[in-house]
Amino acid sequence: MKNPEATFDCIVIGAGISGLALGFFARHNGRSVVVLEAGPVAGGKIRTQWEEGFCCEWGPQGFLDNVPETLELVRLLGLQGRLVQASNAAADRFILRNGKLRAIPLSPLKFFVSDVLSWAGRLRVLAEPFMPRANEEDESVLAFARRRIGKEAADVLVDAMVTGVFAGRAEELSLAATFPKMAHMERTYGSLTRAMFALRRKGGGGPAGPGGTLTTFQSGMQELTDALACSLGTALRLNTRVRGIQYRQGPPSNWVVHLEQGETLLGRHLVVTVPPREAANLLKDYLPPLVLADLQQIPVPPVVVVMTAYRQSQPFAFPLSGFGFLVPSREPRQILGTLFCHSIFPNQAPPGTVLLRTILGGARQPEVIHFDDHELLRLVRRELHAILGGDPDPCLVRVFRHPEGIPQYTLGHPQRLQALDQALAALPGLHLTGNGYRGVAVNACIAEAKKVAMLLA
């Protein structure tokens, strides 16, 4: 830019999915925007790598097609014809229970004849409608589940669900922050069972959220971020690091952003989408000390993804048809779960081959981020051998490390957000969004981005 003090309606810091979507929605609403990214590429954790006909996703495997903001974004980008839904086979999901993979039952009848829980555990679930409501202002996911459906179902089924979404510990996470619909269902209906019957009559989903189908794009998730980056054009600036931020009260611009290149940008609004700890460092001169401490202490444990491909249709003893499996923390294993990518999206692997995506680390075992690639592959092969049966040689191995993986909304998170919102209200034009606050999934990030974009009047 030639102007040393270019002025914008909005300056966005960070070009992950939140920053890109916010920039897009703001421009769509007629605002002048610049999106700043310190690194050489946009997209954050969304990155797709194709090799030898196999689709290797660094980050999210897809998104549920049940959030209108995401579908609107796809439509505005002209990507509707590129959408690919998960195959019918992906409806079959498995959980490791006492060392054996067991199908997760998808109906009440199947649940009560399945072996995923003991008879006592299944009967305890039946008592859920008679359990009292909570008295605590903020309750852990595990405590809530144990109170409503019993210890066994909580320790097996709910623990596994938390593993799949957050790679976290159910006993540490806030129910109100991580699964707000569950808390709302209990408050409104007094019982998850009664709530599910009521929502089913209205066409709603289950306790974890409304129903939907996992969806991606023909070339993988990076199609979305590439399209957003392309739509922003010169409004997206890569390799642009922020050196400092200043707030000055009054028009025409509230916020001054100084770049390492020596340039100064002025903006009526400043939206910070980088991880909470980095946001705290940028805003250390303006947010109260307690709020800064809260941001710096939001845990973001590392996650490692190990992709293994096999040029055989059945390389293991266990049939690899379905979505994949999750590993509850009570099982003595060192992986969080494995997705059967070739079965979920058949176009992501050549016919007659298998593509697996194994997740490690998270809050359970953060030290794996320091393992080298050979150690990680040995660990994954040992675990897959124990769970699936067999140890075939993979024809392709790719390891993706995320030193900062998935934010953990620990107990007290709603109160921390309330304090943050109060602090932001005293700083006109400042907004924080991203997966560190109100949802870790792609859908949540896009929905929050659109919400913030609507505030940029």
Protein backbone atom coordinates (compact mmCIF):
# COMPACT_ATOMS: atom_id res chain seq x y z
CA MET A 1 0.00 0.00 0.00
CA LYS A 2 1.34 3.46 -0.91
CA ASN A 3 -0.48 5.33 1.85
CA PRO A 4 1.58 5.03 5.08
CA GLU A 5 -1.61 5.38 7.12
CA ALA A 6 -4.28 3.50 5.17
CA THR A 7 -7.71 3.63 6.81
CA PHE A 8 -10.26 0.80 6.93
CA ASP A 9 -13.63 0.10 8.46
CA CYS A 10 -12.10 -3.05 9.91
CA ILE A 11 -8.63 -4.51 10.47
CA VAL A 12 -8.59 -8.27 11.03
CA ILE A 13 -5.58 -9.94 12.64
CA GLY A 14 -5.26 -13.61 11.72
CA ALA A 15 -6.26 -15.45 8.52
CA GLY A 16 -7.52 -18.76 9.81
CA ILE A 17 -11.10 -19.74 9.01
CA SER A 18 -12.43 -17.13 11.48
CA GLY A 19 -10.42 -14.24 10.04
CA LEU A 20 -11.08 -15.20 6.43
CA ALA A 21 -14.82 -15.65 6.97
CA LEU A 22 -15.07 -12.41 8.91
CA GLY A 23 -13.23 -10.50 6.21
CA PHE A 24 -15.50 -12.02 3.57
CA PHE A 25 -18.76 -11.25 5.41
CA ALA A 26 -17.61 -7.71 6.24
CA ARG A 27 -16.77 -6.98 2.60
CA HIS A 28 -20.07 -8.55 1.55
CA ASN A 29 -21.75 -6.03 3.87
CA GLY A 30 -19.94 -3.18 2.13
CA ARG A 31 -17.16 -2.59 4.67
CA SER A 32 -13.56 -1.84 3.76
CA VAL A 33 -11.38 -4.55 5.26
CA VAL A 34 -7.79 -5.71 5.49
CA VAL A 35 -6.91 -9.19 6.83
CA LEU A 36 -3.38 -9.56 8.21
CA GLU A 37 -1.61 -12.93 8.40
CA ALA A 38 1.86 -13.30 9.89
CA GLY A 39 2.58 -16.54 8.00
CA PRO A 40 3.07 -17.28 4.31
CA VAL A 41 -0.29 -19.04 3.81
CA ALA A 42 -3.88 -18.45 4.90
CA GLY A 43 -6.27 -21.02 6.34
CA GLY A 44 -4.84 -21.74 9.78
CA LYS A 45 -5.22 -25.43 10.61
CA ILE A 46 -7.29 -26.08 7.47
CA ARG A 47 -4.90 -27.51 4.92
CA THR A 48 -5.33 -30.35 2.43
CA GLN A 49 -2.48 -32.36 0.97
CA TRP A 50 -3.05 -34.84 -1.88
CA GLU A 51 -0.40 -37.50 -2.46
CA GLU A 52 -0.55 -40.59 -4.67
CA GLY A 53 -4.34 -40.26 -4.85
CA PHE A 54 -4.80 -39.97 -1.06
CA CYS A 55 -6.33 -36.91 0.61
CA CYS A 56 -4.51 -35.98 3.81
CA GLU A 57 -6.20 -33.31 5.92
CA TRP A 58 -4.01 -31.44 8.38
CA GLY A 59 -6.97 -30.18 10.39
CA PRO A 60 -10.76 -30.63 10.23
CA GLN A 61 -11.99 -33.56 8.16
CA GLY A 62 -15.20 -31.71 7.29
CA PHE A 63 -18.18 -29.82 8.70
CA LEU A 64 -21.78 -30.69 9.51
CA ASP A 65 -24.22 -29.35 6.92
CA ASN A 66 -26.67 -28.06 9.53
CA VAL A 67 -25.45 -24.51 10.20
CA PRO A 68 -27.02 -21.87 7.94
CA GLU A 69 -24.06 -19.47 8.17
CA THR A 70 -21.69 -22.04 6.70
CA LEU A 71 -24.11 -23.00 3.94
CA GLU A 72 -24.63 -19.31 3.15
CA LEU A 73 -20.87 -18.80 2.91
CA VAL A 74 -20.55 -21.79 0.58
CA ARG A 75 -23.34 -20.41 -1.60
CA LEU A 76 -21.86 -16.91 -1.76
CA LEU A 77 -18.51 -18.40 -2.77
CA GLY A 78 -20.19 -20.46 -5.52
CA LEU A 79 -19.00 -23.76 -4.04
CA GLN A 80 -22.36 -25.58 -3.76
CA GLY A 81 -21.47 -27.87 -6.66
CA ARG A 82 -18.22 -28.86 -4.97
CA LEU A 83 -19.79 -30.26 -1.80
CA VAL A 84 -19.34 -33.95 -0.98
CA GLN A 85 -21.35 -35.65 1.75
CA ALA A 86 -20.09 -38.57 3.81
CA SER A 87 -21.11 -41.99 2.53
CA ASN A 88 -23.91 -43.97 4.14
CA ALA A 89 -21.29 -46.33 5.54
CA ALA A 90 -20.01 -43.51 7.77
CA ALA A 91 -23.13 -43.87 9.92
CA ASP A 92 -21.47 -46.90 11.55
CA ARG A 93 -19.23 -45.76 14.40
CA PHE A 94 -17.27 -47.73 16.93
CA ILE A 95 -15.95 -47.34 20.44
CA LEU A 96 -13.20 -49.26 22.20
CA ARG A 97 -14.62 -51.03 25.24
CA ASN A 98 -12.51 -53.45 27.30
CA GLY A 99 -10.05 -53.77 24.43
CA LYS A 100 -12.67 -54.62 21.81
CA LEU A 101 -14.31 -52.42 19.17
CA ARG A 102 -18.07 -52.28 19.59
CA ALA A 103 -20.64 -50.60 17.38
CA ILE A 104 -22.29 -47.49 18.81
CA PRO A 105 -26.04 -48.20 18.66
CA LEU A 106 -28.00 -45.67 16.62
CA SER A 107 -31.49 -46.36 17.99
CA PRO A 108 -32.97 -47.02 21.47
CA LEU A 109 -33.74 -50.64 20.55
CA LYS A 110 -30.22 -51.30 19.30
CA PHE A 111 -28.81 -49.63 22.39
CA PHE A 112 -30.57 -52.00 24.75
CA VAL A 113 -29.43 -55.12 22.90
CA SER A 114 -25.87 -53.90 22.29
CA ASP A 115 -22.79 -54.80 24.30
CA VAL A 116 -21.39 -51.26 24.43
CA LEU A 117 -22.49 -51.09 28.10
CA SER A 118 -23.24 -53.74 30.71
CA TRP A 119 -26.86 -54.59 31.52
CA ALA A 120 -26.58 -52.52 34.69
CA GLY A 121 -25.20 -49.59 32.70
CA ARG A 122 -28.01 -49.78 30.16
CA LEU A 123 -30.68 -49.99 32.86
CA ARG A 124 -29.18 -46.98 34.63
CA VAL A 125 -29.60 -44.94 31.43
CA LEU A 126 -33.33 -45.77 31.62
CA ALA A 127 -33.53 -43.89 34.90
CA GLU A 128 -32.37 -40.61 33.31
CA PRO A 129 -35.84 -38.96 33.23
CA PHE A 130 -36.07 -39.30 37.03
CA MET A 131 -32.75 -37.66 37.88
CA PRO A 132 -32.83 -34.21 39.56
CA ARG A 133 -31.64 -31.04 37.88
CA ALA A 134 -28.27 -29.53 38.73
CA ASN A 135 -27.69 -26.91 41.40
CA GLU A 136 -24.19 -25.92 40.26
CA GLU A 137 -23.73 -22.78 38.16
CA ASP A 138 -21.02 -24.50 36.10
CA GLU A 139 -20.70 -28.28 35.98
CA SER A 140 -18.17 -30.47 34.22
CA VAL A 141 -19.30 -32.56 31.28
CA LEU A 142 -18.40 -35.75 33.14
CA ALA A 143 -20.22 -34.76 36.34
CA PHE A 144 -23.33 -33.87 34.35
CA ALA A 145 -23.26 -37.14 32.43
CA ARG A 146 -22.69 -39.27 35.53
CA ARG A 147 -25.56 -37.55 37.30
CA ARG A 148 -27.99 -37.96 34.41
CA ILE A 149 -27.12 -41.29 32.74
CA GLY A 150 -24.84 -43.03 35.25
CA LYS A 151 -21.12 -43.54 35.74
CA GLU A 152 -20.63 -46.31 33.19
CA ALA A 153 -22.38 -44.58 30.30
CA ALA A 154 -20.62 -41.32 31.15
CA ASP A 155 -17.17 -42.90 31.39
CA VAL A 156 -17.59 -44.80 28.13
CA LEU A 157 -19.91 -42.91 25.77
CA VAL A 158 -19.63 -39.30 26.89
CA ASP A 159 -15.91 -39.50 27.55
CA ALA A 160 -15.44 -40.80 24.01
CA MET A 161 -17.58 -37.99 22.59
CA VAL A 162 -15.45 -35.40 24.38
CA THR A 163 -12.34 -37.12 23.04
CA GLY A 164 -13.68 -36.89 19.49
CA VAL A 165 -14.62 -33.21 19.66
CA PHE A 166 -12.07 -31.62 22.01
CA ALA A 167 -9.29 -34.20 22.50
CA GLY A 168 -9.87 -33.26 26.12
CA ARG A 169 -10.75 -34.56 29.56
CA ALA A 170 -14.49 -34.65 30.29
CA GLU A 171 -13.91 -34.06 34.00
CA GLU A 172 -12.18 -30.72 33.26
CA LEU A 173 -14.47 -29.22 30.62
CA SER A 174 -17.43 -26.92 31.29
CA LEU A 175 -20.75 -28.34 30.11
CA ALA A 176 -22.23 -24.87 29.53
CA ALA A 177 -19.28 -23.90 27.32
CA THR A 178 -18.68 -27.13 25.40
CA PHE A 179 -22.17 -28.61 24.99
CA PRO A 180 -24.54 -25.73 25.77
CA LYS A 181 -27.48 -27.54 24.19
CA MET A 182 -27.27 -30.28 26.83
CA ALA A 183 -27.44 -27.72 29.63
CA HIS A 184 -30.35 -25.97 27.90
CA MET A 185 -32.25 -29.25 27.44
CA GLU A 186 -32.05 -30.02 31.16
CA ARG A 187 -33.10 -26.50 32.14
CA THR A 188 -36.01 -26.48 29.69
CA TYR A 189 -37.33 -30.03 29.90
CA GLY A 190 -35.84 -31.36 33.13
CA SER A 191 -34.57 -34.46 31.32
CA LEU A 192 -32.51 -35.27 28.25
CA THR A 193 -34.92 -38.07 27.36
CA ARG A 194 -37.98 -35.81 27.44
CA ALA A 195 -36.05 -33.14 25.55
CA MET A 196 -35.04 -35.54 22.78
CA PHE A 197 -38.62 -36.71 22.27
CA ALA A 198 -39.80 -33.10 22.14
CA LEU A 199 -37.05 -32.09 19.71
CA ARG A 200 -37.70 -35.12 17.54
CA ARG A 201 -41.31 -34.00 17.14
CA LYS A 202 -39.96 -30.59 16.08
CA GLY A 203 -37.36 -32.10 13.75
CA GLY A 204 -34.39 -31.24 16.00
CA GLY A 205 -31.26 -33.18 16.86
CA GLY A 206 -29.77 -34.86 19.90
CA PRO A 207 -28.10 -33.59 23.07
CA ALA A 208 -24.79 -32.67 21.43
CA GLY A 209 -26.49 -30.50 18.82
CA PRO A 210 -28.80 -30.62 15.80
CA GLY A 211 -28.39 -33.46 13.37
CA GLY A 212 -26.34 -33.07 10.22
CA THR A 213 -24.18 -34.89 7.69
CA LEU A 214 -20.41 -34.57 7.63
CA THR A 215 -19.53 -32.70 4.47
CA THR A 216 -16.37 -31.61 2.67
CA PHE A 217 -15.37 -30.42 -0.80
CA GLN A 218 -14.24 -32.44 -3.82
CA SER A 219 -10.63 -31.43 -3.28
CA GLY A 220 -10.82 -31.30 0.52
CA MET A 221 -11.40 -28.63 3.12
CA GLN A 222 -8.74 -26.30 1.76
CA GLU A 223 -11.11 -25.49 -1.11
CA LEU A 224 -13.07 -23.37 1.36
CA THR A 225 -10.13 -21.35 2.67
CA ASP A 226 -8.60 -21.02 -0.81
CA ALA A 227 -11.88 -19.62 -2.13
CA LEU A 228 -12.09 -17.17 0.76
CA ALA A 229 -8.49 -16.05 0.24
CA CYS A 230 -9.11 -15.60 -3.50
CA SER A 231 -12.27 -13.58 -2.87
CA LEU A 232 -10.40 -11.21 -0.54
CA GLY A 233 -7.70 -10.53 -3.14
CA THR A 234 -5.40 -7.69 -2.06
CA ALA A 235 -7.44 -7.27 1.14
CA LEU A 236 -5.56 -10.34 2.40
CA ARG A 237 -1.95 -9.61 3.29
CA LEU A 238 0.34 -12.56 4.01
CA ASN A 239 3.74 -12.41 5.71
CA THR A 240 2.48 -9.34 7.55
CA ARG A 241 3.32 -9.34 11.23
CA VAL A 242 1.83 -6.88 13.73
CA ARG A 243 4.42 -5.01 15.81
CA GLY A 244 2.03 -3.13 18.07
CA ILE A 245 -1.51 -1.87 18.63
CA GLN A 246 -2.74 1.49 19.89
CA TYR A 247 -6.19 2.62 20.96
CA ARG A 248 -7.20 6.24 20.57
CA GLN A 249 -10.63 7.40 21.58
CA GLY A 250 -12.77 9.15 19.01
CA PRO A 251 -13.32 9.29 15.25
CA PRO A 252 -12.39 8.73 12.55
CA SER A 253 -10.46 5.65 13.74
CA ASN A 254 -10.33 3.93 17.11
CA TRP A 255 -7.45 1.57 16.41
CA VAL A 256 -3.92 2.01 15.10
CA VAL A 257 -2.00 -1.09 14.01
CA HIS A 258 1.76 -0.83 13.49
CA LEU A 259 3.31 -3.44 11.19
CA GLU A 260 6.84 -4.80 11.39
CA GLN A 261 7.42 -3.49 7.85
CA GLY A 262 7.03 0.03 9.25
CA GLU A 263 3.54 0.66 7.89
CA THR A 264 0.66 1.99 9.98
CA LEU A 265 -2.99 1.03 9.48
CA LEU A 266 -6.01 2.79 10.94
CA GLY A 267 -9.33 1.08 11.61
CA ARG A 268 -12.68 1.94 13.15
CA HIS A 269 -12.89 -1.71 14.21
CA LEU A 270 -10.16 -4.17 15.16
CA VAL A 271 -10.96 -7.90 15.13
CA VAL A 272 -8.40 -10.24 16.69
CA THR A 273 -8.85 -13.87 15.62
CA VAL A 274 -5.50 -15.34 16.70
CA PRO A 275 -5.37 -17.85 19.63
CA PRO A 276 -6.23 -16.41 23.08
CA ARG A 277 -2.66 -16.41 24.38
CA GLU A 278 -1.43 -14.49 21.35
CA ALA A 279 -4.41 -12.13 21.59
CA ALA A 280 -3.46 -11.40 25.22
CA ASN A 281 0.06 -10.45 24.16
CA LEU A 282 -1.25 -8.09 21.48
CA LEU A 283 -3.74 -6.41 23.84
CA LYS A 284 -1.68 -6.41 27.04
CA ASP A 285 -1.86 -2.61 27.33
CA TYR A 286 -5.66 -2.44 27.11
CA LEU A 287 -7.34 -5.41 28.77
CA PRO A 288 -7.56 -5.73 32.58
CA PRO A 289 -4.90 -7.96 34.20
CA LEU A 290 -7.43 -10.60 35.27
CA VAL A 291 -8.86 -10.84 31.75
CA LEU A 292 -5.35 -11.10 30.28
CA ALA A 293 -4.55 -13.87 32.75
CA ASP A 294 -7.73 -15.72 31.77
CA LEU A 295 -6.80 -15.54 28.08
CA GLN A 296 -3.25 -16.71 28.71
CA GLN A 297 -4.47 -19.65 30.77
CA ILE A 298 -6.96 -21.14 28.29
CA PRO A 299 -5.33 -24.55 27.68
CA VAL A 300 -4.55 -25.41 24.06
CA PRO A 301 -2.79 -28.80 24.25
CA PRO A 302 -0.96 -30.13 21.20
CA VAL A 303 -2.49 -32.62 18.77
CA VAL A 304 -0.71 -34.92 16.33
CA VAL A 305 -2.31 -36.45 13.23
CA VAL A 306 -0.76 -39.55 11.68
CA MET A 307 -2.08 -40.56 8.26
CA THR A 308 -1.38 -44.11 7.06
CA ALA A 309 -2.46 -45.53 3.70
CA TYR A 310 -2.51 -49.15 2.48
CA ARG A 311 -2.83 -50.51 -1.05
CA GLN A 312 -5.08 -53.33 0.12
CA SER A 313 -8.83 -53.39 0.55
CA GLN A 314 -8.65 -55.25 3.89
CA PRO A 315 -5.23 -54.81 5.52
CA PHE A 316 -6.48 -55.49 9.08
CA ALA A 317 -8.59 -58.23 10.64
CA PHE A 318 -11.30 -55.74 11.63
CA PRO A 319 -13.47 -54.62 8.66
CA LEU A 320 -12.65 -50.98 7.98
CA SER A 321 -16.11 -49.85 6.91
CA GLY A 322 -17.68 -47.01 8.87
CA PHE A 323 -16.65 -43.70 10.33
CA GLY A 324 -13.93 -44.98 12.61
CA PHE A 325 -13.48 -45.49 16.35
CA LEU A 326 -12.88 -43.49 19.53
CA VAL A 327 -10.94 -44.53 22.61
CA PRO A 328 -12.36 -43.57 26.04
CA SER A 329 -9.74 -42.49 28.59
CA ARG A 330 -10.39 -45.57 30.74
CA GLU A 331 -8.88 -47.77 28.02
CA PRO A 332 -5.08 -48.32 28.40
CA ARG A 333 -4.26 -47.06 24.93
CA GLN A 334 -2.07 -44.23 23.59
CA ILE A 335 -4.25 -42.93 20.76
CA LEU A 336 -7.48 -40.96 20.89
CA GLY A 337 -9.10 -42.60 17.89
CA THR A 338 -8.86 -43.37 14.19
CA LEU A 339 -11.00 -42.27 11.24
CA PHE A 340 -11.61 -44.55 8.24
CA CYS A 341 -11.19 -41.75 5.68
CA HIS A 342 -11.59 -44.03 2.64
CA SER A 343 -14.98 -45.11 3.98
CA ILE A 344 -16.21 -41.66 5.03
CA PHE A 345 -15.31 -39.99 1.73
CA PRO A 346 -14.53 -42.70 -0.87
CA ASN A 347 -13.13 -40.11 -3.31
CA GLN A 348 -10.28 -39.43 -0.87
CA ALA A 349 -8.49 -42.70 -1.60
CA PRO A 350 -7.98 -44.80 -4.76
CA PRO A 351 -10.39 -47.73 -5.19
CA GLY A 352 -9.33 -50.85 -3.29
CA THR A 353 -7.16 -48.93 -0.81
CA VAL A 354 -7.46 -47.84 2.83
CA LEU A 355 -6.67 -44.44 4.34
CA LEU A 356 -6.58 -44.03 8.12
CA ARG A 357 -6.28 -40.86 10.19
CA THR A 358 -5.10 -41.49 13.75
CA ILE A 359 -5.22 -38.74 16.37
CA LEU A 360 -2.84 -38.54 19.32
CA GLY A 361 -2.04 -36.11 22.12
CA GLY A 362 -4.58 -33.60 23.33
CA ALA A 363 -5.06 -33.03 27.05
CA ARG A 364 -4.54 -36.74 27.68
CA GLN A 365 -1.02 -37.16 26.34
CA PRO A 366 0.48 -33.81 25.27
CA GLU A 367 4.04 -35.13 25.35
CA VAL A 368 3.61 -36.97 22.04
CA ILE A 369 4.22 -33.67 20.22
CA HIS A 370 7.90 -34.18 21.04
CA PHE A 371 8.10 -37.69 19.53
CA ASP A 372 9.89 -37.88 16.21
CA ASP A 373 8.12 -39.27 13.14
CA HIS A 374 9.58 -42.76 13.55
CA GLU A 375 8.47 -42.97 17.19
CA LEU A 376 4.99 -41.79 16.26
CA LEU A 377 4.66 -44.33 13.46
CA ARG A 378 5.83 -47.15 15.73
CA LEU A 379 3.32 -46.09 18.37
CA VAL A 380 0.45 -45.89 15.86
CA ARG A 381 1.29 -49.25 14.30
CA ARG A 382 1.44 -50.88 17.73
CA GLU A 383 -1.92 -49.40 18.72
CA LEU A 384 -3.66 -50.26 15.43
CA HIS A 385 -2.30 -53.79 15.67
CA ALA A 386 -3.76 -54.18 19.17
CA ILE A 387 -7.14 -52.68 18.23
CA LEU A 388 -7.69 -53.70 14.60
CA GLY A 389 -5.59 -56.85 14.38
CA GLY A 390 -2.57 -57.02 12.08
CA ASP A 391 0.39 -54.78 11.32
CA PRO A 392 0.53 -54.17 7.55
CA ASP A 393 3.20 -51.93 6.08
CA PRO A 394 1.66 -48.59 5.04
CA CYS A 395 2.42 -47.39 1.53
CA LEU A 396 2.15 -43.76 2.64
CA VAL A 397 2.76 -42.07 6.01
CA ARG A 398 2.26 -38.41 6.79
CA VAL A 399 2.60 -36.76 10.21
CA PHE A 400 1.00 -33.40 10.96
CA ARG A 401 1.85 -31.64 14.22
CA HIS A 402 -0.28 -28.94 15.84
CA PRO A 403 1.69 -27.51 18.80
CA GLU A 404 -1.49 -25.62 19.68
CA GLY A 405 -4.32 -28.03 18.97
CA ILE A 406 -7.87 -27.61 20.27
CA PRO A 407 -8.73 -25.01 22.96
CA GLN A 408 -10.13 -26.50 26.16
CA TYR A 409 -13.18 -24.76 27.64
CA THR A 410 -12.44 -25.71 31.23
CA LEU A 411 -14.68 -25.07 34.24
CA GLY A 412 -15.28 -21.36 34.67
CA HIS A 413 -15.10 -20.63 30.93
CA PRO A 414 -18.55 -18.95 30.76
CA GLN A 415 -17.57 -16.61 33.60
CA ARG A 416 -14.28 -15.80 31.86
CA LEU A 417 -16.15 -14.94 28.66
CA GLN A 418 -18.48 -12.69 30.62
CA ALA A 419 -15.50 -10.79 32.08
CA LEU A 420 -13.96 -10.55 28.61
CA ASP A 421 -17.17 -9.15 27.12
CA GLN A 422 -17.35 -6.51 29.87
CA ALA A 423 -13.76 -5.47 29.15
CA LEU A 424 -14.41 -5.27 25.40
CA ALA A 425 -17.48 -3.10 25.98
CA ALA A 426 -15.16 -0.43 27.39
CA LEU A 427 -13.03 -0.47 24.22
CA PRO A 428 -15.24 0.58 21.27
CA GLY A 429 -14.48 -1.22 18.03
CA LEU A 430 -12.48 -4.09 19.57
CA HIS A 431 -13.68 -7.67 18.97
CA LEU A 432 -12.19 -11.08 19.75
CA THR A 433 -13.34 -14.19 17.92
CA GLY A 434 -11.98 -17.56 16.88
CA ASN A 435 -12.07 -21.10 18.23
CA GLY A 436 -10.78 -20.11 21.67
CA TYR A 437 -14.09 -18.70 22.87
CA ARG A 438 -17.49 -19.99 21.73
CA GLY A 439 -16.97 -23.12 19.65
CA VAL A 440 -14.03 -25.05 18.22
CA ALA A 441 -15.64 -26.44 15.06
CA VAL A 442 -15.53 -24.85 11.60
CA ASN A 443 -19.26 -24.14 11.79
CA ALA A 444 -18.94 -22.31 15.11
CA CYS A 445 -16.06 -20.19 13.82
CA ILE A 446 -18.00 -19.17 10.71
CA ALA A 447 -21.21 -18.43 12.65
CA GLU A 448 -19.31 -16.23 15.13
CA ALA A 449 -17.47 -14.50 12.29
CA LYS A 450 -20.73 -13.53 10.63
CA LYS A 451 -22.13 -12.33 13.96
CA VAL A 452 -19.14 -10.06 14.52
CA ALA A 453 -19.26 -8.83 10.91
CA MET A 454 -22.83 -7.65 11.52
CA LEU A 455 -21.54 -5.41 14.35
CA LEU A 456 -19.18 -3.48 12.09
CA ALA A 457 -21.54 -0.58 11.46
